Amino acid sequence: MADLIEIQNMIEQLREKLHQVSEGKALTDAEVIRASQMLDVLLIEYQRMLNEKLNQ
């Protein structure tokens, strides 16, 4: 369960970073896209871990 909590914290940090990076920029800005993609990777990993825990 600690792994899920860690990844939740990382997701929240990246959400905040994405919000900060995107202020005043277009959603197609390279930096905004990179931050969004990093968040996507973590969200997918979180979902995978959650499914794994539920299926045990």
N, C-alpha and C. Protein backbone atom coordinates (compact mmCIF):
# COMPACT_ATOMS: atom_id res chain seq x y z
N MET A 1 0.82 -1.20 0.00
CA MET A 1 0.00 0.00 0.00
C MET A 1 0.86 1.26 0.00
N ALA A 2 2.05 1.17 0.57
CA ALA A 2 2.94 2.33 0.61
C ALA A 2 3.28 2.79 -0.79
N ASP A 3 3.41 1.85 -1.72
CA ASP A 3 3.72 2.21 -3.10
C ASP A 3 2.62 3.08 -3.70
N LEU A 4 1.38 2.73 -3.40
CA LEU A 4 0.26 3.51 -3.92
C LEU A 4 0.26 4.92 -3.33
N ILE A 5 0.58 5.04 -2.07
CA ILE A 5 0.62 6.35 -1.43
C ILE A 5 1.74 7.19 -2.03
N GLU A 6 2.88 6.57 -2.26
CA GLU A 6 4.01 7.29 -2.88
C GLU A 6 3.63 7.82 -4.25
N ILE A 7 3.03 6.96 -5.05
CA ILE A 7 2.68 7.38 -6.41
C ILE A 7 1.58 8.44 -6.38
N GLN A 8 0.67 8.36 -5.41
CA GLN A 8 -0.36 9.40 -5.26
C GLN A 8 0.29 10.75 -4.97
N ASN A 9 1.28 10.73 -4.10
CA ASN A 9 2.00 11.97 -3.79
C ASN A 9 2.71 12.52 -5.02
N MET A 10 3.32 11.64 -5.78
CA MET A 10 4.01 12.06 -7.00
C MET A 10 3.02 12.64 -8.00
N ILE A 11 1.86 12.02 -8.10
CA ILE A 11 0.82 12.51 -9.01
C ILE A 11 0.38 13.91 -8.61
N GLU A 12 0.16 14.13 -7.33
CA GLU A 12 -0.25 15.45 -6.86
C GLU A 12 0.82 16.50 -7.15
N GLN A 13 2.09 16.13 -6.96
CA GLN A 13 3.19 17.06 -7.25
C GLN A 13 3.22 17.40 -8.74
N LEU A 14 3.05 16.39 -9.59
CA LEU A 14 3.07 16.65 -11.03
C LEU A 14 1.85 17.44 -11.48
N ARG A 15 0.71 17.21 -10.85
CA ARG A 15 -0.48 18.02 -11.18
C ARG A 15 -0.21 19.49 -10.90
N GLU A 16 0.40 19.74 -9.75
CA GLU A 16 0.72 21.12 -9.38
C GLU A 16 1.73 21.72 -10.37
N LYS A 17 2.73 20.92 -10.73
CA LYS A 17 3.73 21.38 -11.69
C LYS A 17 3.07 21.69 -13.04
N LEU A 18 2.19 20.82 -13.48
CA LEU A 18 1.49 21.04 -14.75
C LEU A 18 0.68 22.33 -14.69
N HIS A 19 0.01 22.53 -13.59
CA HIS A 19 -0.77 23.76 -13.42
C HIS A 19 0.14 25.00 -13.51
N GLN A 20 1.27 24.95 -12.82
CA GLN A 20 2.20 26.08 -12.84
C GLN A 20 2.79 26.31 -14.23
N VAL A 21 3.19 25.23 -14.87
CA VAL A 21 3.82 25.31 -16.20
C VAL A 21 2.84 25.85 -17.23
N SER A 22 1.58 25.47 -17.09
CA SER A 22 0.60 25.83 -18.12
C SER A 22 0.06 27.25 -18.01
N GLU A 23 0.31 27.90 -16.88
CA GLU A 23 -0.20 29.26 -16.73
C GLU A 23 0.38 30.19 -17.78
N GLY A 24 -0.49 30.79 -18.55
CA GLY A 24 -0.08 31.76 -19.56
C GLY A 24 0.50 31.14 -20.82
N LYS A 25 0.42 29.83 -20.94
CA LYS A 25 0.96 29.16 -22.13
C LYS A 25 -0.16 28.41 -22.83
N ALA A 26 0.06 28.17 -24.10
CA ALA A 26 -0.88 27.37 -24.87
C ALA A 26 -0.76 25.90 -24.45
N LEU A 27 -1.85 25.18 -24.56
CA LEU A 27 -1.81 23.75 -24.22
C LEU A 27 -0.91 22.96 -25.15
N THR A 28 -0.54 23.54 -26.27
CA THR A 28 0.35 22.88 -27.22
C THR A 28 1.81 23.24 -27.00
N ASP A 29 2.10 24.06 -26.00
CA ASP A 29 3.48 24.42 -25.67
C ASP A 29 4.24 23.16 -25.29
N ALA A 30 5.47 23.04 -25.76
CA ALA A 30 6.28 21.84 -25.54
C ALA A 30 6.45 21.51 -24.06
N GLU A 31 6.65 22.51 -23.23
CA GLU A 31 6.84 22.28 -21.80
C GLU A 31 5.54 21.77 -21.15
N VAL A 32 4.42 22.29 -21.58
CA VAL A 32 3.12 21.84 -21.06
C VAL A 32 2.87 20.40 -21.49
N ILE A 33 3.18 20.09 -22.72
CA ILE A 33 2.99 18.72 -23.23
C ILE A 33 3.87 17.75 -22.45
N ARG A 34 5.13 18.11 -22.22
CA ARG A 34 6.04 17.23 -21.47
C ARG A 34 5.51 16.96 -20.06
N ALA A 35 5.07 18.00 -19.39
CA ALA A 35 4.55 17.84 -18.03
C ALA A 35 3.29 16.97 -18.03
N SER A 36 2.44 17.17 -19.03
CA SER A 36 1.23 16.38 -19.15
C SER A 36 1.55 14.91 -19.42
N GLN A 37 2.53 14.67 -20.26
CA GLN A 37 2.92 13.29 -20.57
C GLN A 37 3.51 12.59 -19.35
N MET A 38 4.29 13.32 -18.56
CA MET A 38 4.85 12.74 -17.34
C MET A 38 3.72 12.36 -16.37
N LEU A 39 2.75 13.22 -16.27
CA LEU A 39 1.61 12.94 -15.41
C LEU A 39 0.83 11.74 -15.94
N ASP A 40 0.64 11.66 -17.24
CA ASP A 40 -0.05 10.51 -17.85
C ASP A 40 0.64 9.20 -17.49
N VAL A 41 1.96 9.18 -17.57
CA VAL A 41 2.73 7.96 -17.26
C VAL A 41 2.47 7.54 -15.82
N LEU A 42 2.50 8.49 -14.91
CA LEU A 42 2.26 8.16 -13.50
C LEU A 42 0.82 7.70 -13.26
N LEU A 43 -0.12 8.33 -13.91
CA LEU A 43 -1.52 7.91 -13.76
C LEU A 43 -1.73 6.49 -14.26
N ILE A 44 -1.11 6.16 -15.37
CA ILE A 44 -1.21 4.80 -15.92
C ILE A 44 -0.57 3.80 -14.96
N GLU A 45 0.59 4.15 -14.43
CA GLU A 45 1.27 3.28 -13.47
C GLU A 45 0.42 3.10 -12.21
N TYR A 46 -0.17 4.18 -11.74
CA TYR A 46 -1.04 4.11 -10.56
C TYR A 46 -2.22 3.16 -10.83
N GLN A 47 -2.83 3.31 -11.96
CA GLN A 47 -3.98 2.45 -12.32
C GLN A 47 -3.55 0.99 -12.40
N ARG A 48 -2.37 0.74 -12.98
CA ARG A 48 -1.86 -0.63 -13.08
C ARG A 48 -1.64 -1.21 -11.69
N MET A 49 -1.02 -0.44 -10.81
CA MET A 49 -0.75 -0.90 -9.45
C MET A 49 -2.05 -1.15 -8.68
N LEU A 50 -3.01 -0.27 -8.85
CA LEU A 50 -4.29 -0.41 -8.18
C LEU A 50 -5.00 -1.68 -8.65
N ASN A 51 -5.03 -1.90 -9.94
CA ASN A 51 -5.64 -3.11 -10.49
C ASN A 51 -4.95 -4.37 -9.97
N GLU A 52 -3.62 -4.30 -9.89
CA GLU A 52 -2.85 -5.43 -9.39
C GLU A 52 -3.23 -5.74 -7.94
N LYS A 53 -3.35 -4.70 -7.11
CA LYS A 53 -3.72 -4.89 -5.71
C LYS A 53 -5.13 -5.45 -5.58
N LEU A 54 -6.05 -4.97 -6.41
CA LEU A 54 -7.43 -5.42 -6.33
C LEU A 54 -7.60 -6.86 -6.80
N ASN A 55 -6.73 -7.31 -7.68
CA ASN A 55 -6.83 -8.65 -8.24
C ASN A 55 -6.04 -9.71 -7.45
N GLN A 56 -5.47 -9.30 -6.34
CA GLN A 56 -4.71 -10.26 -5.53
C GLN A 56 -5.63 -11.10 -4.69
